[in-house]
Amino acid sequence: MLGDFTAKTGMPWPQYYDGKFWKNDISTRFGIVSIPAMFLIDQEG
């Protein structure tokens, strides 16, 4: 369902949703507290 929505709306970047809202693994690991969150990634990822 999420994959269909992102394809239909032209959102090619990875999406993640686990239902835990701001307490999910990614937001707590990287300190995300708002959307959009910005990450500058180097050539090595």
PDB file of all heavy atoms in Angstrom:
ATOM      1  N   MET A   1       0.820  -1.183   0.000  1.00  0.00           N
ATOM      2  CA  MET A   1       0.000   0.000   0.000  1.00  0.00           C
ATOM      3  C   MET A   1       0.873   1.260   0.000  1.00  0.00           C
ATOM      4  O   MET A   1       0.660   2.143  -0.814  1.00  0.00           O
ATOM      5  CB  MET A   1      -0.935  -0.013   1.200  1.00  0.00           C
ATOM      6  CG  MET A   1      -2.022   1.020   1.076  1.00  0.00           C
ATOM      7  SD  MET A   1      -3.009   1.197   2.554  1.00  0.00           S
ATOM      8  CE  MET A   1      -4.187  -0.093   2.345  1.00  0.00           C
ATOM      9  N   LEU A   2       1.858   1.351   0.908  1.00  0.00           N
ATOM     10  CA  LEU A   2       2.762   2.501   0.929  1.00  0.00           C
ATOM     11  C   LEU A   2       3.552   2.563  -0.372  1.00  0.00           C
ATOM     12  O   LEU A   2       3.724   3.628  -0.945  1.00  0.00           O
ATOM     13  CB  LEU A   2       3.715   2.428   2.129  1.00  0.00           C
ATOM     14  CG  LEU A   2       4.748   3.553   2.255  1.00  0.00           C
ATOM     15  CD1 LEU A   2       4.082   4.908   2.380  1.00  0.00           C
ATOM     16  CD2 LEU A   2       5.663   3.290   3.437  1.00  0.00           C
ATOM     17  N   GLY A   3       4.017   1.409  -0.858  1.00  0.00           N
ATOM     18  CA  GLY A   3       4.761   1.361  -2.117  1.00  0.00           C
ATOM     19  C   GLY A   3       3.937   1.869  -3.286  1.00  0.00           C
ATOM     20  O   GLY A   3       4.451   2.580  -4.156  1.00  0.00           O
ATOM     21  N   ASP A   4       2.663   1.515  -3.334  1.00  0.00           N
ATOM     22  CA  ASP A   4       1.779   1.997  -4.400  1.00  0.00           C
ATOM     23  C   ASP A   4       1.626   3.514  -4.343  1.00  0.00           C
ATOM     24  O   ASP A   4       1.675   4.193  -5.365  1.00  0.00           O
ATOM     25  CB  ASP A   4       0.391   1.346  -4.293  1.00  0.00           C
ATOM     26  CG  ASP A   4       0.427  -0.147  -4.547  1.00  0.00           C
ATOM     27  OD1 ASP A   4       1.378  -0.616  -5.217  1.00  0.00           O
ATOM     28  OD2 ASP A   4      -0.485  -0.839  -4.082  1.00  0.00           O
ATOM     29  N   PHE A   5       1.441   4.037  -3.142  1.00  0.00           N
ATOM     30  CA  PHE A   5       1.276   5.485  -2.970  1.00  0.00           C
ATOM     31  C   PHE A   5       2.519   6.238  -3.414  1.00  0.00           C
ATOM     32  O   PHE A   5       2.432   7.230  -4.134  1.00  0.00           O
ATOM     33  CB  PHE A   5       0.949   5.828  -1.514  1.00  0.00           C
ATOM     34  CG  PHE A   5       0.917   7.304  -1.248  1.00  0.00           C
ATOM     35  CD1 PHE A   5      -0.185   8.059  -1.618  1.00  0.00           C
ATOM     36  CD2 PHE A   5       1.987   7.945  -0.652  1.00  0.00           C
ATOM     37  CE1 PHE A   5      -0.219   9.434  -1.390  1.00  0.00           C
ATOM     38  CE2 PHE A   5       1.976   9.311  -0.418  1.00  0.00           C
ATOM     39  CZ  PHE A   5       0.865  10.044  -0.790  1.00  0.00           C
ATOM     40  N   THR A   6       3.698   5.777  -2.973  1.00  0.00           N
ATOM     41  CA  THR A   6       4.919   6.492  -3.316  1.00  0.00           C
ATOM     42  C   THR A   6       5.213   6.412  -4.816  1.00  0.00           C
ATOM     43  O   THR A   6       5.700   7.382  -5.401  1.00  0.00           O
ATOM     44  CB  THR A   6       6.125   5.983  -2.511  1.00  0.00           C
ATOM     45  OG1 THR A   6       6.304   4.589  -2.750  1.00  0.00           O
ATOM     46  CG2 THR A   6       5.931   6.228  -1.026  1.00  0.00           C
ATOM     47  N   ALA A   7       4.893   5.307  -5.438  1.00  0.00           N
ATOM     48  CA  ALA A   7       5.089   5.194  -6.891  1.00  0.00           C
ATOM     49  C   ALA A   7       4.121   6.112  -7.627  1.00  0.00           C
ATOM     50  O   ALA A   7       4.507   6.807  -8.571  1.00  0.00           O
ATOM     51  CB  ALA A   7       4.895   3.746  -7.333  1.00  0.00           C
ATOM     52  N   LYS A   8       2.875   6.134  -7.187  1.00  0.00           N
ATOM     53  CA  LYS A   8       1.845   6.952  -7.834  1.00  0.00           C
ATOM     54  C   LYS A   8       2.137   8.444  -7.706  1.00  0.00           C
ATOM     55  O   LYS A   8       1.895   9.216  -8.627  1.00  0.00           O
ATOM     56  CB  LYS A   8       0.487   6.637  -7.207  1.00  0.00           C
ATOM     57  CG  LYS A   8      -0.667   7.409  -7.792  1.00  0.00           C
ATOM     58  CD  LYS A   8      -1.970   7.008  -7.111  1.00  0.00           C
ATOM     59  CE  LYS A   8      -3.115   7.871  -7.547  1.00  0.00           C
ATOM     60  NZ  LYS A   8      -4.342   7.558  -6.817  1.00  0.00           N
ATOM     61  N   THR A   9       2.692   8.859  -6.564  1.00  0.00           N
ATOM     62  CA  THR A   9       2.954  10.275  -6.327  1.00  0.00           C
ATOM     63  C   THR A   9       4.372  10.697  -6.704  1.00  0.00           C
ATOM     64  O   THR A   9       4.752  11.848  -6.487  1.00  0.00           O
ATOM     65  CB  THR A   9       2.678  10.644  -4.860  1.00  0.00           C
ATOM     66  OG1 THR A   9       3.471   9.807  -4.021  1.00  0.00           O
ATOM     67  CG2 THR A   9       1.212  10.496  -4.519  1.00  0.00           C
ATOM     68  N   GLY A  10       5.153   9.780  -7.271  1.00  0.00           N
ATOM     69  CA  GLY A  10       6.496  10.120  -7.738  1.00  0.00           C
ATOM     70  C   GLY A  10       7.495  10.367  -6.622  1.00  0.00           C
ATOM     71  O   GLY A  10       8.299  11.288  -6.700  1.00  0.00           O
ATOM     72  N   MET A  11       7.459   9.565  -5.572  1.00  0.00           N
ATOM     73  CA  MET A  11       8.401   9.695  -4.456  1.00  0.00           C
ATOM     74  C   MET A  11       9.411   8.548  -4.553  1.00  0.00           C
ATOM     75  O   MET A  11       9.202   7.484  -3.968  1.00  0.00           O
ATOM     76  CB  MET A  11       7.642   9.631  -3.130  1.00  0.00           C
ATOM     77  CG  MET A  11       6.637  10.746  -2.962  1.00  0.00           C
ATOM     78  SD  MET A  11       5.502  10.497  -1.575  1.00  0.00           S
ATOM     79  CE  MET A  11       6.579  10.594  -0.186  1.00  0.00           C
ATOM     80  N   PRO A  12      10.531   8.736  -5.287  1.00  0.00           N
ATOM     81  CA  PRO A  12      11.446   7.633  -5.528  1.00  0.00           C
ATOM     82  C   PRO A  12      12.373   7.293  -4.366  1.00  0.00           C
ATOM     83  O   PRO A  12      13.044   6.270  -4.391  1.00  0.00           O
ATOM     84  CB  PRO A  12      12.267   8.130  -6.730  1.00  0.00           C
ATOM     85  CG  PRO A  12      12.279   9.611  -6.557  1.00  0.00           C
ATOM     86  CD  PRO A  12      10.919   9.956  -5.990  1.00  0.00           C
ATOM     87  N   TRP A  13      12.431   8.147  -3.344  1.00  0.00           N
ATOM     88  CA  TRP A  13      13.327   7.877  -2.234  1.00  0.00           C
ATOM     89  C   TRP A  13      12.730   6.815  -1.319  1.00  0.00           C
ATOM     90  O   TRP A  13      11.522   6.598  -1.282  1.00  0.00           O
ATOM     91  CB  TRP A  13      13.628   9.162  -1.462  1.00  0.00           C
ATOM     92  CG  TRP A  13      12.390   9.904  -1.038  1.00  0.00           C
ATOM     93  CD1 TRP A  13      11.662   9.715   0.107  1.00  0.00           C
ATOM     94  CD2 TRP A  13      11.715  10.930  -1.771  1.00  0.00           C
ATOM     95  NE1 TRP A  13      10.590  10.563   0.140  1.00  0.00           N
ATOM     96  CE2 TRP A  13      10.601  11.318  -1.005  1.00  0.00           C
ATOM     97  CE3 TRP A  13      11.949  11.555  -2.993  1.00  0.00           C
ATOM     98  CZ2 TRP A  13       9.723  12.306  -1.428  1.00  0.00           C
ATOM     99  CZ3 TRP A  13      11.064  12.536  -3.403  1.00  0.00           C
ATOM    100  CH2 TRP A  13       9.981  12.896  -2.620  1.00  0.00           C
ATOM    101  N   PRO A  14      13.574   6.127  -0.547  1.00  0.00           N
ATOM    102  CA  PRO A  14      13.079   5.064   0.347  1.00  0.00           C
ATOM    103  C   PRO A  14      12.099   5.596   1.389  1.00  0.00           C
ATOM    104  O   PRO A  14      12.286   6.687   1.928  1.00  0.00           O
ATOM    105  CB  PRO A  14      14.342   4.552   1.032  1.00  0.00           C
ATOM    106  CG  PRO A  14      15.469   4.999   0.178  1.00  0.00           C
ATOM    107  CD  PRO A  14      15.022   6.267  -0.488  1.00  0.00           C
ATOM    108  N   GLN A  15      11.085   4.822   1.688  1.00  0.00           N
ATOM    109  CA  GLN A  15      10.091   5.161   2.698  1.00  0.00           C
ATOM    110  C   GLN A  15      10.165   4.129   3.817  1.00  0.00           C
ATOM    111  O   GLN A  15      10.449   2.962   3.572  1.00  0.00           O
ATOM    112  CB  GLN A  15       8.688   5.132   2.094  1.00  0.00           C
ATOM    113  CG  GLN A  15       8.503   6.034   0.901  1.00  0.00           C
ATOM    114  CD  GLN A  15       8.614   7.497   1.262  1.00  0.00           C
ATOM    115  OE1 GLN A  15       8.089   7.940   2.270  1.00  0.00           O
ATOM    116  NE2 GLN A  15       9.307   8.250   0.432  1.00  0.00           N
ATOM    117  N   TYR A  16       9.898   4.567   5.025  1.00  0.00           N
ATOM    118  CA  TYR A  16       9.921   3.658   6.172  1.00  0.00           C
ATOM    119  C   TYR A  16       8.775   4.014   7.104  1.00  0.00           C
ATOM    120  O   TYR A  16       8.610   5.171   7.478  1.00  0.00           O
ATOM    121  CB  TYR A  16      11.251   3.787   6.917  1.00  0.00           C
ATOM    122  CG  TYR A  16      11.340   2.934   8.147  1.00  0.00           C
ATOM    123  CD1 TYR A  16      11.633   1.581   8.048  1.00  0.00           C
ATOM    124  CD2 TYR A  16      11.132   3.469   9.404  1.00  0.00           C
ATOM    125  CE1 TYR A  16      11.723   0.791   9.183  1.00  0.00           C
ATOM    126  CE2 TYR A  16      11.208   2.697  10.540  1.00  0.00           C
ATOM    127  CZ  TYR A  16      11.510   1.354  10.427  1.00  0.00           C
ATOM    128  OH  TYR A  16      11.590   0.574  11.547  1.00  0.00           O
ATOM    129  N   TYR A  17       7.981   3.028   7.460  1.00  0.00           N
ATOM    130  CA  TYR A  17       6.910   3.241   8.431  1.00  0.00           C
ATOM    131  C   TYR A  17       6.690   1.946   9.189  1.00  0.00           C
ATOM    132  O   TYR A  17       6.486   0.892   8.594  1.00  0.00           O
ATOM    133  CB  TYR A  17       5.606   3.670   7.746  1.00  0.00           C
ATOM    134  CG  TYR A  17       4.492   3.872   8.740  1.00  0.00           C
ATOM    135  CD1 TYR A  17       4.473   4.991   9.566  1.00  0.00           C
ATOM    136  CD2 TYR A  17       3.495   2.926   8.884  1.00  0.00           C
ATOM    137  CE1 TYR A  17       3.470   5.172  10.503  1.00  0.00           C
ATOM    138  CE2 TYR A  17       2.483   3.101   9.823  1.00  0.00           C
ATOM    139  CZ  TYR A  17       2.482   4.218  10.628  1.00  0.00           C
ATOM    140  OH  TYR A  17       1.503   4.401  11.562  1.00  0.00           O
ATOM    141  N   ASP A  18       6.753   2.011  10.524  1.00  0.00           N
ATOM    142  CA  ASP A  18       6.530   0.814  11.333  1.00  0.00           C
ATOM    143  C   ASP A  18       5.417   1.009  12.356  1.00  0.00           C
ATOM    144  O   ASP A  18       5.177   0.140  13.177  1.00  0.00           O
ATOM    145  CB  ASP A  18       7.826   0.382  12.016  1.00  0.00           C
ATOM    146  CG  ASP A  18       8.339   1.405  13.024  1.00  0.00           C
ATOM    147  OD1 ASP A  18       7.662   2.431  13.249  1.00  0.00           O
ATOM    148  OD2 ASP A  18       9.421   1.191  13.577  1.00  0.00           O
ATOM    149  N   GLY A  19       4.745   2.176  12.324  1.00  0.00           N
ATOM    150  CA  GLY A  19       3.639   2.432  13.234  1.00  0.00           C
ATOM    151  C   GLY A  19       4.054   2.964  14.600  1.00  0.00           C
ATOM    152  O   GLY A  19       3.205   3.238  15.438  1.00  0.00           O
ATOM    153  N   LYS A  20       5.355   3.116  14.841  1.00  0.00           N
ATOM    154  CA  LYS A  20       5.828   3.580  16.150  1.00  0.00           C
ATOM    155  C   LYS A  20       5.992   5.100  16.207  1.00  0.00           C
ATOM    156  O   LYS A  20       6.439   5.636  17.221  1.00  0.00           O
ATOM    157  CB  LYS A  20       7.167   2.923  16.484  1.00  0.00           C
ATOM    158  CG  LYS A  20       7.078   1.414  16.635  1.00  0.00           C
ATOM    159  CD  LYS A  20       8.458   0.846  16.936  1.00  0.00           C
ATOM    160  CE  LYS A  20       8.442  -0.653  16.979  1.00  0.00           C
ATOM    161  NZ  LYS A  20       9.805  -1.191  17.206  1.00  0.00           N
ATOM    162  N   PHE A  21       5.677   5.779  15.110  1.00  0.00           N
ATOM    163  CA  PHE A  21       5.777   7.233  15.037  1.00  0.00           C
ATOM    164  C   PHE A  21       7.181   7.699  15.416  1.00  0.00           C
ATOM    165  O   PHE A  21       8.150   7.209  14.883  1.00  0.00           O
ATOM    166  CB  PHE A  21       4.669   7.902  15.857  1.00  0.00           C
ATOM    167  CG  PHE A  21       3.305   7.464  15.411  1.00  0.00           C
ATOM    168  CD1 PHE A  21       2.622   6.455  16.088  1.00  0.00           C
ATOM    169  CD2 PHE A  21       2.733   8.009  14.274  1.00  0.00           C
ATOM    170  CE1 PHE A  21       1.378   6.029  15.641  1.00  0.00           C
ATOM    171  CE2 PHE A  21       1.488   7.582  13.827  1.00  0.00           C
ATOM    172  CZ  PHE A  21       0.814   6.591  14.516  1.00  0.00           C
ATOM    173  N   TRP A  22       7.337   8.666  16.350  1.00  0.00           N
ATOM    174  CA  TRP A  22       8.655   9.223  16.667  1.00  0.00           C
ATOM    175  C   TRP A  22       9.495   8.304  17.527  1.00  0.00           C
ATOM    176  O   TRP A  22      10.637   8.614  17.850  1.00  0.00           O
ATOM    177  CB  TRP A  22       8.509  10.584  17.340  1.00  0.00           C
ATOM    178  CG  TRP A  22       7.887  11.581  16.431  1.00  0.00           C
ATOM    179  CD1 TRP A  22       6.657  12.160  16.581  1.00  0.00           C
ATOM    180  CD2 TRP A  22       8.401  12.080  15.199  1.00  0.00           C
ATOM    181  NE1 TRP A  22       6.385  12.986  15.526  1.00  0.00           N
ATOM    182  CE2 TRP A  22       7.450  12.952  14.657  1.00  0.00           C
ATOM    183  CE3 TRP A  22       9.579  11.857  14.491  1.00  0.00           C
ATOM    184  CZ2 TRP A  22       7.637  13.618  13.458  1.00  0.00           C
ATOM    185  CZ3 TRP A  22       9.762  12.519  13.290  1.00  0.00           C
ATOM    186  CH2 TRP A  22       8.809  13.391  12.788  1.00  0.00           C
ATOM    187  N   LYS A  23       8.977   7.169  17.907  1.00  0.00           N
ATOM    188  CA  LYS A  23       9.744   6.237  18.730  1.00  0.00           C
ATOM    189  C   LYS A  23      10.234   5.036  17.913  1.00  0.00           C
ATOM    190  O   LYS A  23      10.630   4.020  18.478  1.00  0.00           O
ATOM    191  CB  LYS A  23       8.897   5.764  19.906  1.00  0.00           C
ATOM    192  CG  LYS A  23       8.446   6.909  20.789  1.00  0.00           C
ATOM    193  CD  LYS A  23       8.329   6.497  22.207  1.00  0.00           C
ATOM    194  CE  LYS A  23       7.820   7.590  23.097  1.00  0.00           C
ATOM    195  NZ  LYS A  23       8.638   8.722  23.242  1.00  0.00           N
ATOM    196  N   ASN A  24      10.242   5.167  16.585  1.00  0.00           N
ATOM    197  CA  ASN A  24      10.715   4.037  15.772  1.00  0.00           C
ATOM    198  C   ASN A  24      12.241   3.991  15.755  1.00  0.00           C
ATOM    199  O   ASN A  24      12.922   4.905  16.199  1.00  0.00           O
ATOM    200  CB  ASN A  24      10.122   4.078  14.357  1.00  0.00           C
ATOM    201  CG  ASN A  24      10.682   5.188  13.516  1.00  0.00           C
ATOM    202  OD1 ASN A  24      11.879   5.336  13.374  1.00  0.00           O
ATOM    203  ND2 ASN A  24       9.797   6.007  12.958  1.00  0.00           N
ATOM    204  N   ASP A  25      12.773   2.885  15.262  1.00  0.00           N
ATOM    205  CA  ASP A  25      14.214   2.644  15.288  1.00  0.00           C
ATOM    206  C   ASP A  25      15.013   3.730  14.575  1.00  0.00           C
ATOM    207  O   ASP A  25      16.047   4.186  15.073  1.00  0.00           O
ATOM    208  CB  ASP A  25      14.543   1.287  14.662  1.00  0.00           C
ATOM    209  CG  ASP A  25      13.913   0.134  15.428  1.00  0.00           C
ATOM    210  OD1 ASP A  25      13.597   0.295  16.618  1.00  0.00           O
ATOM    211  OD2 ASP A  25      13.742  -0.944  14.828  1.00  0.00           O
ATOM    212  N   ILE A  26      14.562   4.151  13.415  1.00  0.00           N
ATOM    213  CA  ILE A  26      15.322   5.136  12.638  1.00  0.00           C
ATOM    214  C   ILE A  26      15.289   6.511  13.292  1.00  0.00           C
ATOM    215  O   ILE A  26      16.322   7.158  13.426  1.00  0.00           O
ATOM    216  CB  ILE A  26      14.817   5.192  11.182  1.00  0.00           C
ATOM    217  CG1 ILE A  26      15.160   3.873  10.480  1.00  0.00           C
ATOM    218  CG2 ILE A  26      15.423   6.371  10.442  1.00  0.00           C
ATOM    219  CD1 ILE A  26      14.642   3.754   9.071  1.00  0.00           C
ATOM    220  N   SER A  27      14.104   6.970  13.714  1.00  0.00           N
ATOM    221  CA  SER A  27      14.043   8.316  14.302  1.00  0.00           C
ATOM    222  C   SER A  27      14.814   8.402  15.608  1.00  0.00           C
ATOM    223  O   SER A  27      15.471   9.411  15.877  1.00  0.00           O
ATOM    224  CB  SER A  27      12.597   8.769  14.493  1.00  0.00           C
ATOM    225  OG  SER A  27      11.946   7.961  15.447  1.00  0.00           O
ATOM    226  N   THR A  28      14.775   7.371  16.429  1.00  0.00           N
ATOM    227  CA  THR A  28      15.531   7.421  17.674  1.00  0.00           C
ATOM    228  C   THR A  28      17.029   7.270  17.422  1.00  0.00           C
ATOM    229  O   THR A  28      17.840   7.950  18.058  1.00  0.00           O
ATOM    230  CB  THR A  28      15.051   6.363  18.673  1.00  0.00           C
ATOM    231  OG1 THR A  28      15.096   5.073  18.064  1.00  0.00           O
ATOM    232  CG2 THR A  28      13.636   6.634  19.137  1.00  0.00           C
ATOM    233  N   ARG A  29      17.405   6.446  16.472  1.00  0.00           N
ATOM    234  CA  ARG A  29      18.833   6.241  16.167  1.00  0.00           C
ATOM    235  C   ARG A  29      19.488   7.517  15.644  1.00  0.00           C
ATOM    236  O   ARG A  29      20.619   7.838  15.998  1.00  0.00           O
ATOM    237  CB  ARG A  29      18.974   5.125  15.141  1.00  0.00           C
ATOM    238  CG  ARG A  29      20.389   4.816  14.757  1.00  0.00           C
ATOM    239  CD  ARG A  29      20.440   3.647  13.810  1.00  0.00           C
ATOM    240  NE  ARG A  29      21.772   3.417  13.341  1.00  0.00           N
ATOM    241  CZ  ARG A  29      22.082   2.633  12.337  1.00  0.00           C
ATOM    242  NH1 ARG A  29      21.132   1.977  11.700  1.00  0.00           N
ATOM    243  NH2 ARG A  29      23.318   2.475  11.955  1.00  0.00           N
ATOM    244  N   PHE A  30      18.774   8.257  14.778  1.00  0.00           N
ATOM    245  CA  PHE A  30      19.360   9.436  14.144  1.00  0.00           C
ATOM    246  C   PHE A  30      18.842  10.753  14.717  1.00  0.00           C
ATOM    247  O   PHE A  30      19.169  11.823  14.210  1.00  0.00           O
ATOM    248  CB  PHE A  30      19.129   9.392  12.633  1.00  0.00           C
ATOM    249  CG  PHE A  30      19.855   8.248  11.975  1.00  0.00           C
ATOM    250  CD1 PHE A  30      19.165   7.155  11.507  1.00  0.00           C
ATOM    251  CD2 PHE A  30      21.233   8.269  11.852  1.00  0.00           C
ATOM    252  CE1 PHE A  30      19.827   6.097  10.907  1.00  0.00           C
ATOM    253  CE2 PHE A  30      21.916   7.219  11.256  1.00  0.00           C
ATOM    254  CZ  PHE A  30      21.212   6.132  10.787  1.00  0.00           C
ATOM    255  N   GLY A  31      18.032  10.707  15.758  1.00  0.00           N
ATOM    256  CA  GLY A  31      17.564  11.925  16.403  1.00  0.00           C
ATOM    257  C   GLY A  31      16.591  12.739  15.575  1.00  0.00           C
ATOM    258  O   GLY A  31      16.546  13.950  15.680  1.00  0.00           O
ATOM    259  N   ILE A  32      15.773  12.067  14.762  1.00  0.00           N
ATOM    260  CA  ILE A  32      14.794  12.768  13.935  1.00  0.00           C
ATOM    261  C   ILE A  32      13.603  13.140  14.799  1.00  0.00           C
ATOM    262  O   ILE A  32      12.985  12.288  15.415  1.00  0.00           O
ATOM    263  CB  ILE A  32      14.338  11.888  12.750  1.00  0.00           C
ATOM    264  CG1 ILE A  32      15.534  11.551  11.864  1.00  0.00           C
ATOM    265  CG2 ILE A  32      13.234  12.590  11.957  1.00  0.00           C
ATOM    266  CD1 ILE A  32      15.230  10.493  10.812  1.00  0.00           C
ATOM    267  N   VAL A  33      13.293  14.436  14.828  1.00  0.00           N
ATOM    268  CA  VAL A  33      12.160  14.908  15.628  1.00  0.00           C
ATOM    269  C   VAL A  33      11.171  15.717  14.797  1.00  0.00           C
ATOM    270  O   VAL A  33      10.195  16.224  15.331  1.00  0.00           O
ATOM    271  CB  VAL A  33      12.640  15.740  16.843  1.00  0.00           C
ATOM    272  CG1 VAL A  33      13.419  14.878  17.815  1.00  0.00           C
ATOM    273  CG2 VAL A  33      13.474  16.927  16.387  1.00  0.00           C
ATOM    274  N   SER A  34      11.442  15.851  13.505  1.00  0.00           N
ATOM    275  CA  SER A  34      10.512  16.558  12.637  1.00  0.00           C
ATOM    276  C   SER A  34      10.714  16.109  11.196  1.00  0.00           C
ATOM    277  O   SER A  34      11.714  15.491  10.864  1.00  0.00           O
ATOM    278  CB  SER A  34      10.723  18.077  12.736  1.00  0.00           C
ATOM    279  OG  SER A  34      11.991  18.424  12.225  1.00  0.00           O
ATOM    280  N   ILE A  35       9.742  16.431  10.388  1.00  0.00           N
ATOM    281  CA  ILE A  35       9.804  16.122   8.967  1.00  0.00           C
ATOM    282  C   ILE A  35       9.713  17.447   8.232  1.00  0.00           C
ATOM    283  O   ILE A  35       8.845  18.251   8.540  1.00  0.00           O
ATOM    284  CB  ILE A  35       8.649  15.197   8.549  1.00  0.00           C
ATOM    285  CG1 ILE A  35       8.760  13.879   9.300  1.00  0.00           C
ATOM    286  CG2 ILE A  35       8.623  14.975   7.054  1.00  0.00           C
ATOM    287  CD1 ILE A  35       7.593  12.940   9.096  1.00  0.00           C
ATOM    288  N   PRO A  36      10.514  17.762   7.261  1.00  0.00           N
ATOM    289  CA  PRO A  36      11.534  16.865   6.733  1.00  0.00           C
ATOM    290  C   PRO A  36      12.788  16.887   7.595  1.00  0.00           C
ATOM    291  O   PRO A  36      13.103  17.883   8.226  1.00  0.00           O
ATOM    292  CB  PRO A  36      11.845  17.434   5.350  1.00  0.00           C
ATOM    293  CG  PRO A  36      11.566  18.893   5.483  1.00  0.00           C
ATOM    294  CD  PRO A  36      10.435  19.006   6.489  1.00  0.00           C
ATOM    295  N   ALA A  37      13.481  15.783   7.626  1.00  0.00           N
ATOM    296  CA  ALA A  37      14.783  15.687   8.268  1.00  0.00           C
ATOM    297  C   ALA A  37      15.826  15.731   7.155  1.00  0.00           C
ATOM    298  O   ALA A  37      15.591  15.221   6.065  1.00  0.00           O
ATOM    299  CB  ALA A  37      14.898  14.400   9.065  1.00  0.00           C
ATOM    300  N   MET A  38      16.959  16.348   7.414  1.00  0.00           N
ATOM    301  CA  MET A  38      17.981  16.514   6.380  1.00  0.00           C
ATOM    302  C   MET A  38      19.230  15.748   6.770  1.00  0.00           C
ATOM    303  O   MET A  38      19.678  15.832   7.917  1.00  0.00           O
ATOM    304  CB  MET A  38      18.308  18.005   6.236  1.00  0.00           C
ATOM    305  CG  MET A  38      19.000  18.400   4.956  1.00  0.00           C
ATOM    306  SD  MET A  38      20.711  17.923   4.765  1.00  0.00           S
ATOM    307  CE  MET A  38      21.520  18.863   6.012  1.00  0.00           C
ATOM    308  N   PHE A  39      19.742  14.983   5.813  1.00  0.00           N
ATOM    309  CA  PHE A  39      20.989  14.257   6.006  1.00  0.00           C
ATOM    310  C   PHE A  39      21.910  14.567   4.842  1.00  0.00           C
ATOM    311  O   PHE A  39      21.514  14.424   3.693  1.00  0.00           O
ATOM    312  CB  PHE A  39      20.746  12.740   6.032  1.00  0.00           C
ATOM    313  CG  PHE A  39      19.832  12.298   7.128  1.00  0.00           C
ATOM    314  CD1 PHE A  39      18.482  12.141   6.897  1.00  0.00           C
ATOM    315  CD2 PHE A  39      20.318  12.052   8.396  1.00  0.00           C
ATOM    316  CE1 PHE A  39      17.625  11.739   7.902  1.00  0.00           C
ATOM    317  CE2 PHE A  39      19.475  11.654   9.413  1.00  0.00           C
ATOM    318  CZ  PHE A  39      18.121  11.494   9.165  1.00  0.00           C
ATOM    319  N   LEU A  40      23.117  14.971   5.129  1.00  0.00           N
ATOM    320  CA  LEU A  40      24.140  15.147   4.106  1.00  0.00           C
ATOM    321  C   LEU A  40      24.998  13.895   4.157  1.00  0.00           C
ATOM    322  O   LEU A  40      25.572  13.565   5.202  1.00  0.00           O
ATOM    323  CB  LEU A  40      24.975  16.398   4.370  1.00  0.00           C
ATOM    324  CG  LEU A  40      26.065  16.699   3.348  1.00  0.00           C
ATOM    325  CD1 LEU A  40      25.474  16.868   1.945  1.00  0.00           C
ATOM    326  CD2 LEU A  40      26.844  17.931   3.755  1.00  0.00           C
ATOM    327  N   ILE A  41      25.058  13.204   3.032  1.00  0.00           N
ATOM    328  CA  ILE A  41      25.736  11.911   2.962  1.00  0.00           C
ATOM    329  C   ILE A  41      26.929  12.023   2.032  1.00  0.00           C
ATOM    330  O   ILE A  41      26.815  12.576   0.935  1.00  0.00           O
ATOM    331  CB  ILE A  41      24.754  10.824   2.476  1.00  0.00           C
ATOM    332  CG1 ILE A  41      23.579  10.753   3.451  1.00  0.00           C
ATOM    333  CG2 ILE A  41      25.450   9.487   2.326  1.00  0.00           C
ATOM    334  CD1 ILE A  41      22.467   9.859   3.032  1.00  0.00           C
ATOM    335  N   ASP A  42      28.072  11.492   2.458  1.00  0.00           N
ATOM    336  CA  ASP A  42      29.273  11.591   1.634  1.00  0.00           C
ATOM    337  C   ASP A  42      29.295  10.510   0.544  1.00  0.00           C
ATOM    338  O   ASP A  42      28.363   9.706   0.432  1.00  0.00           O
ATOM    339  CB  ASP A  42      30.539  11.555   2.491  1.00  0.00           C
ATOM    340  CG  ASP A  42      30.824  10.214   3.141  1.00  0.00           C
ATOM    341  OD1 ASP A  42      30.170   9.200   2.809  1.00  0.00           O
ATOM    342  OD2 ASP A  42      31.727  10.168   3.998  1.00  0.00           O
ATOM    343  N   GLN A  43      30.375  10.505  -0.232  1.00  0.00           N
ATOM    344  CA  GLN A  43      30.492   9.589  -1.366  1.00  0.00           C
ATOM    345  C   GLN A  43      30.543   8.126  -0.929  1.00  0.00           C
ATOM    346  O   GLN A  43      30.271   7.234  -1.732  1.00  0.00           O
ATOM    347  CB  GLN A  43      31.757   9.923  -2.186  1.00  0.00           C
ATOM    348  CG  GLN A  43      31.719  11.278  -2.845  1.00  0.00           C
ATOM    349  CD  GLN A  43      32.317  12.387  -1.983  1.00  0.00           C
ATOM    350  OE1 GLN A  43      32.300  12.348  -0.759  1.00  0.00           O
ATOM    351  NE2 GLN A  43      32.840  13.418  -2.637  1.00  0.00           N
ATOM    352  N   GLU A  44      30.852   7.861   0.329  1.00  0.00           N
ATOM    353  CA  GLU A  44      30.913   6.494   0.842  1.00  0.00           C
ATOM    354  C   GLU A  44      29.605   6.065   1.507  1.00  0.00           C
ATOM    355  O   GLU A  44      29.509   4.964   2.029  1.00  0.00           O
ATOM    356  CB  GLU A  44      32.069   6.369   1.823  1.00  0.00           C
ATOM    357  CG  GLU A  44      33.423   6.599   1.163  1.00  0.00           C
ATOM    358  CD  GLU A  44      34.558   6.566   2.168  1.00  0.00           C
ATOM    359  OE1 GLU A  44      34.321   6.270   3.355  1.00  0.00           O
ATOM    360  OE2 GLU A  44      35.692   6.850   1.757  1.00  0.00           O
ATOM    361  N   GLY A  45      28.605   6.961   1.512  1.00  0.00           N
ATOM    362  CA  GLY A  45      27.319   6.645   2.101  1.00  0.00           C
ATOM    363  C   GLY A  45      27.240   6.903   3.593  1.00  0.00           C
ATOM    364  O   GLY A  45      26.294   6.474   4.249  1.00  0.00           O
TER     365      GLY A  45
END
